[in-house]
Amino acid sequence: MQRLRRLLMAFFVIVGMLYLALCAVLFAAQRSLIYPAPHTAPETLRDQPGFGVVPLATGLDVDRFYLPAPPGAPTVVHFHGNGEQLLWQQGMGQALGDAGLGFLAVEYPGYGASPGSPSESGLYAAAEAALQFLRDQGVKPEDIVLSGRSLGTGVAVEMARRGYGARMVLVSPYTSMVAMGQRTVPFLPAALLMRDRYQSLDKAPHIPIPVLIIHGEQDEVVPVDMGRTLGQRFPHARVVTVPGAGHNDVLERDGQQEFARLATFALDGT
C-alpha cells in the first residue's frame, strides 16, 4: 500500500510539472498565437496611392491607407483581424469610397511592412496615432466612424472608450481575449496567463455611442453568442446575426448585403 502511495505521489508530481511546463510554454508563445502576422515587402506599399506612414511615440512608423471622404461625409477608421494585413484592406476602402465614405486603416506593429512587435498596447498606440493623423487632416470628431473586425474589434472598443468616434461597427467581435483563451484551452488558467486581454465586455457599458454588431451564426472562431452578449452590454447597440455565415465571410455573403448594412450605418447611423 505504501509503495502504491509513493507511485501515485510520483505520478501526480510528474503530471503537475508537465502542466506547469505547458502553462509556461503557452505563456511564452501566446503572442505568436494571437498575432499570426502576415508580412509584405515595404516596396509593395510605398508607391501605391493612399499608402503612407504615421509616427508612433516609440519612434517607429507604421503604415496607413487613407482615402479622403467627400466634403461633409464620414470617414471609417478600420482595424483589421489578426490574420490580415493593411495591404488587404484596399478593397474595403475602395468599396466604402464608392458608397460615399472616407476610409483610413492603420497597420499594426510587426504586421505587413511595419516594424516592431504586436501587443495590445502597441495596437492601441497605432490606432491612436491613426486617429491623430485624421485630426491633422481636418476630419471632425463627429465625422469619424470606428470599425473593427475580429481582433480589431477590441482595438475599436478601446478607441471608443477613449472618446473617439461618433458611432462604431463591430464585425465578429469577442467579449475578451481571456474568454477566447478559456474557450480555446479550457484546461488552462487563461485568466492568469493572458498578457493581452482586450476586455471589451467590461468597457462596453461605458461607451454611449451607437454600435452595430454583425456576426455570423456559424462563426467557427468567435461564437455568435459572444456578439450577442457584447451587444447587451452597450447602452445603444443593434446586433445582426447572419444565418449560414462563418467568421471570414459574414460581410461577403448574399451579394455583400451585410457590407451594404455597414456602409449605410457608417453614413447616417441607420
Protein backbone atom coordinates (compact mmCIF):
# COMPACT_ATOMS: atom_id res chain seq x y z
CA MET A 1 0.00 0.00 0.00
CA GLN A 2 2.82 2.38 0.87
CA ARG A 3 4.51 1.62 -2.45
CA LEU A 4 1.27 2.42 -4.24
CA ARG A 5 1.03 5.74 -2.42
CA ARG A 6 4.57 6.61 -3.44
CA LEU A 7 3.81 5.72 -7.05
CA LEU A 8 0.65 7.84 -7.02
CA MET A 9 2.51 10.74 -5.45
CA ALA A 10 5.26 10.49 -8.07
CA PHE A 11 2.61 10.33 -10.81
CA PHE A 12 0.85 13.49 -9.59
CA VAL A 13 4.16 15.32 -9.19
CA ILE A 14 5.08 14.48 -12.79
CA VAL A 15 1.64 15.47 -14.07
CA GLY A 16 1.84 18.73 -12.11
CA MET A 17 5.28 19.51 -13.53
CA LEU A 18 4.07 18.78 -17.06
CA TYR A 19 1.04 21.01 -16.53
CA LEU A 20 3.22 23.87 -15.26
CA ALA A 21 5.59 23.36 -18.18
CA LEU A 22 2.66 23.55 -20.61
CA CYS A 23 1.47 26.76 -18.94
CA ALA A 24 4.97 28.22 -19.25
CA VAL A 25 5.23 27.30 -22.94
CA LEU A 26 1.85 28.81 -23.77
CA PHE A 27 2.60 31.93 -21.72
CA ALA A 28 5.80 32.44 -23.70
CA ALA A 29 4.19 31.65 -27.07
CA GLN A 30 0.83 33.39 -26.62
CA ARG A 31 1.61 36.45 -28.73
CA SER A 32 2.70 34.35 -31.69
CA LEU A 33 -0.65 32.56 -31.41
CA ILE A 34 -2.75 35.72 -31.01
CA TYR A 35 -0.87 37.61 -33.72
CA PRO A 36 -0.01 35.32 -36.68
CA ALA A 37 1.19 38.41 -38.51
CA PRO A 38 1.34 38.28 -42.32
CA HIS A 39 4.26 40.20 -43.81
CA THR A 40 4.89 42.05 -47.04
CA ALA A 41 7.87 43.82 -48.56
CA PRO A 42 7.97 47.59 -47.87
CA GLU A 43 8.33 48.40 -51.54
CA THR A 44 4.94 46.75 -52.15
CA LEU A 45 3.24 49.68 -50.40
CA ARG A 46 5.45 52.68 -50.92
CA ASP A 47 4.42 53.68 -54.44
CA GLN A 48 0.72 52.87 -54.21
CA PRO A 49 -1.86 55.68 -53.97
CA GLY A 50 -3.28 56.18 -50.49
CA PHE A 51 -0.44 54.49 -48.63
CA GLY A 52 1.81 56.38 -46.25
CA VAL A 53 3.05 56.20 -42.66
CA VAL A 54 2.07 57.56 -39.27
CA PRO A 55 4.64 58.02 -36.49
CA LEU A 56 4.30 56.36 -33.09
CA ALA A 57 5.55 57.80 -29.80
CA THR A 58 8.07 54.94 -29.70
CA GLY A 59 9.87 56.39 -32.72
CA LEU A 60 8.60 53.73 -35.12
CA ASP A 61 6.46 54.47 -38.16
CA VAL A 62 3.56 52.20 -39.09
CA ASP A 63 1.86 52.13 -42.47
CA ARG A 64 -1.59 53.53 -43.18
CA PHE A 65 -4.01 53.53 -46.10
CA TYR A 66 -6.14 56.66 -46.46
CA LEU A 67 -8.87 57.66 -48.89
CA PRO A 68 -10.27 61.11 -48.00
CA ALA A 69 -14.02 61.45 -47.65
CA PRO A 70 -16.13 63.64 -49.91
CA PRO A 71 -16.92 67.03 -48.29
CA GLY A 72 -19.20 66.56 -45.29
CA ALA A 73 -19.11 62.75 -45.38
CA PRO A 74 -17.91 60.49 -42.54
CA THR A 75 -14.63 58.59 -42.54
CA VAL A 76 -14.50 54.94 -41.47
CA VAL A 77 -11.41 54.11 -39.38
CA HIS A 78 -10.97 50.36 -39.67
CA PHE A 79 -8.91 47.93 -37.57
CA HIS A 80 -8.34 44.57 -39.25
CA GLY A 81 -8.28 40.99 -37.96
CA ASN A 82 -5.31 39.09 -36.58
CA GLY A 83 -4.67 37.09 -39.77
CA GLU A 84 -4.97 40.11 -42.07
CA GLN A 85 -2.70 42.97 -43.05
CA LEU A 86 -3.08 46.54 -44.29
CA LEU A 87 -2.50 45.68 -47.94
CA TRP A 88 -5.66 43.55 -47.95
CA GLN A 89 -7.84 46.47 -46.82
CA GLN A 90 -7.70 48.25 -50.17
CA GLY A 91 -10.84 46.56 -51.46
CA MET A 92 -12.84 47.53 -48.40
CA GLY A 93 -11.62 51.10 -48.60
CA GLN A 94 -12.45 51.43 -52.27
CA ALA A 95 -15.92 49.92 -51.78
CA LEU A 96 -16.66 52.34 -48.94
CA GLY A 97 -15.34 55.15 -51.10
CA ASP A 98 -17.80 54.12 -53.81
CA ALA A 99 -20.53 54.37 -51.15
CA GLY A 100 -19.56 57.98 -50.43
CA LEU A 101 -17.36 57.49 -47.37
CA GLY A 102 -13.77 58.17 -46.47
CA PHE A 103 -11.54 55.34 -45.24
CA LEU A 104 -8.50 55.01 -43.03
CA ALA A 105 -6.80 51.77 -41.98
CA VAL A 106 -3.61 51.52 -40.00
CA GLU A 107 -1.14 48.66 -39.80
CA TYR A 108 -0.25 47.04 -36.51
CA PRO A 109 3.38 46.97 -35.33
CA GLY A 110 5.05 43.83 -36.68
CA TYR A 111 2.40 43.30 -39.36
CA GLY A 112 2.75 43.79 -43.10
CA ALA A 113 5.72 46.04 -43.77
CA SER A 114 5.59 47.83 -40.41
CA PRO A 115 8.42 47.31 -37.88
CA GLY A 116 8.03 46.28 -34.26
CA SER A 117 6.20 43.52 -32.45
CA PRO A 118 2.42 43.32 -31.93
CA SER A 119 0.93 43.69 -28.47
CA GLU A 120 -2.26 45.12 -27.01
CA SER A 121 -0.58 48.39 -26.07
CA GLY A 122 1.17 48.53 -29.45
CA LEU A 123 -2.09 48.13 -31.37
CA TYR A 124 -3.71 50.84 -29.27
CA ALA A 125 -0.77 53.16 -29.93
CA ALA A 126 -1.05 52.60 -33.69
CA ALA A 127 -4.81 53.20 -33.58
CA GLU A 128 -4.45 56.44 -31.63
CA ALA A 129 -1.71 57.64 -33.98
CA ALA A 130 -4.03 56.98 -36.93
CA LEU A 131 -6.80 58.99 -35.29
CA GLN A 132 -4.36 61.83 -34.64
CA PHE A 133 -3.41 61.69 -38.33
CA LEU A 134 -7.08 62.01 -39.22
CA ARG A 135 -7.47 65.05 -36.97
CA ASP A 136 -4.46 66.59 -38.69
CA GLN A 137 -6.30 66.14 -41.99
CA GLY A 138 -9.11 68.30 -40.62
CA VAL A 139 -11.63 65.48 -40.08
CA LYS A 140 -14.08 66.43 -37.34
CA PRO A 141 -14.67 64.04 -34.40
CA GLU A 142 -18.35 63.76 -35.30
CA ASP A 143 -17.38 62.51 -38.77
CA ILE A 144 -15.34 59.53 -37.50
CA VAL A 145 -16.86 56.04 -37.56
CA LEU A 146 -14.85 53.33 -35.79
CA SER A 147 -14.82 49.86 -37.36
CA GLY A 148 -13.20 46.61 -36.28
CA ARG A 149 -13.18 43.03 -37.46
CA SER A 150 -12.34 40.09 -35.21
CA LEU A 151 -9.15 41.07 -33.33
CA GLY A 152 -9.67 44.67 -34.47
CA THR A 153 -12.97 44.91 -32.59
CA GLY A 154 -11.02 45.05 -29.34
CA VAL A 155 -8.99 47.95 -30.73
CA ALA A 156 -12.11 49.79 -31.90
CA VAL A 157 -13.78 49.34 -28.50
CA GLU A 158 -10.75 50.75 -26.69
CA MET A 159 -10.68 53.78 -29.01
CA ALA A 160 -14.40 54.34 -28.33
CA ARG A 161 -13.71 54.07 -24.60
CA ARG A 162 -11.11 56.82 -25.02
CA GLY A 163 -13.74 59.06 -26.55
CA TYR A 164 -13.13 58.64 -30.28
CA GLY A 165 -15.83 58.06 -32.86
CA ALA A 166 -19.42 59.12 -33.37
CA ARG A 167 -20.53 55.50 -33.90
CA MET A 168 -18.94 52.07 -34.23
CA VAL A 169 -19.28 48.87 -36.25
CA LEU A 170 -18.00 45.57 -34.84
CA VAL A 171 -17.78 42.55 -37.15
CA SER A 172 -17.38 39.15 -35.45
CA PRO A 173 -16.45 40.60 -32.05
CA TYR A 174 -15.27 38.70 -28.98
CA THR A 175 -16.06 39.60 -25.39
CA SER A 176 -12.43 39.47 -24.27
CA MET A 177 -9.21 37.74 -25.24
CA VAL A 178 -9.30 35.97 -21.87
CA ALA A 179 -12.68 34.45 -22.79
CA MET A 180 -11.24 33.39 -26.15
CA GLY A 181 -8.30 31.76 -24.36
CA GLN A 182 -10.63 29.92 -21.99
CA ARG A 183 -12.63 28.67 -24.96
CA THR A 184 -9.54 27.52 -26.88
CA VAL A 185 -7.71 25.84 -23.97
CA PRO A 186 -10.34 25.30 -21.23
CA PHE A 187 -7.97 23.17 -19.15
CA LEU A 188 -5.53 26.07 -18.62
CA PRO A 189 -5.96 29.17 -16.39
CA ALA A 190 -6.28 31.74 -19.19
CA ALA A 191 -7.24 34.49 -16.73
CA LEU A 192 -3.81 34.12 -15.10
CA LEU A 193 -1.77 33.56 -18.27
CA MET A 194 -3.12 36.13 -20.74
CA ARG A 195 -0.95 39.21 -21.20
CA ASP A 196 -3.09 40.93 -23.85
CA ARG A 197 -6.66 40.92 -22.57
CA TYR A 198 -8.83 43.22 -24.75
CA GLN A 199 -11.63 43.41 -22.17
CA SER A 200 -14.38 44.68 -24.47
CA LEU A 201 -17.20 43.30 -22.32
CA ASP A 202 -16.05 45.33 -19.32
CA LYS A 203 -15.67 48.50 -21.41
CA ALA A 204 -18.98 48.28 -23.28
CA PRO A 205 -21.29 49.81 -20.59
CA HIS A 206 -19.16 52.98 -20.60
CA ILE A 207 -19.43 53.59 -24.36
CA PRO A 208 -22.50 55.72 -25.17
CA ILE A 209 -22.22 55.93 -28.98
CA PRO A 210 -24.45 53.88 -31.32
CA VAL A 211 -22.98 50.45 -32.13
CA LEU A 212 -23.77 47.99 -34.91
CA ILE A 213 -22.64 44.38 -34.36
CA ILE A 214 -22.61 41.97 -37.30
CA HIS A 215 -21.88 38.31 -36.52
CA GLY A 216 -22.15 35.06 -38.48
CA GLU A 217 -24.36 32.44 -36.86
CA GLN A 218 -21.95 29.69 -37.92
CA ASP A 219 -18.80 31.52 -36.80
CA GLU A 220 -16.27 28.78 -36.08
CA VAL A 221 -13.68 31.07 -34.44
CA VAL A 222 -15.65 33.55 -32.30
CA PRO A 223 -19.03 32.09 -31.29
CA VAL A 224 -22.04 34.19 -32.19
CA ASP A 225 -23.09 34.19 -28.53
CA MET A 226 -20.12 36.46 -27.82
CA GLY A 227 -21.51 39.03 -30.25
CA ARG A 228 -24.96 38.77 -28.69
CA THR A 229 -23.58 39.07 -25.16
CA LEU A 230 -21.46 42.06 -26.07
CA GLY A 231 -24.45 43.75 -27.71
CA GLN A 232 -26.39 43.53 -24.46
CA ARG A 233 -23.71 45.48 -22.61
CA PHE A 234 -23.53 48.57 -24.85
CA PRO A 235 -26.12 51.22 -23.98
CA HIS A 236 -27.06 51.66 -27.65
CA ALA A 237 -26.32 48.59 -29.78
CA ARG A 238 -28.03 46.67 -32.55
CA VAL A 239 -26.96 43.07 -33.17
CA VAL A 240 -27.42 41.50 -36.60
CA THR A 241 -26.70 37.77 -36.89
CA VAL A 242 -26.26 36.29 -40.35
CA PRO A 243 -27.59 32.76 -40.97
CA GLY A 244 -25.05 30.43 -42.57
CA ALA A 245 -22.17 32.89 -42.27
CA GLY A 246 -18.87 31.93 -40.66
CA HIS A 247 -16.02 34.01 -39.32
CA ASN A 248 -14.45 35.13 -42.57
CA ASP A 249 -17.42 35.57 -44.90
CA VAL A 250 -20.02 37.43 -42.87
CA LEU A 251 -19.70 40.68 -44.86
CA GLU A 252 -19.29 38.93 -48.18
CA ARG A 253 -22.36 36.67 -48.25
CA ASP A 254 -25.59 37.21 -50.19
CA GLY A 255 -24.28 39.86 -52.55
CA GLN A 256 -22.46 41.69 -49.75
CA GLN A 257 -25.75 42.59 -48.06
CA GLU A 258 -24.07 43.00 -44.67
CA PHE A 259 -21.31 45.14 -46.15
CA ALA A 260 -24.04 47.41 -47.50
CA ARG A 261 -25.56 47.50 -44.00
CA LEU A 262 -22.18 48.54 -42.59
CA ALA A 263 -21.84 51.33 -45.18
CA THR A 264 -25.36 52.65 -44.54
CA PHE A 265 -24.78 52.71 -40.78
CA ALA A 266 -21.45 54.50 -41.29
CA LEU A 267 -23.12 57.10 -43.50
CA ASP A 268 -26.08 58.05 -41.34
CA GLY A 269 -26.40 55.70 -38.36
CA THR A 270 -29.38 53.75 -39.71
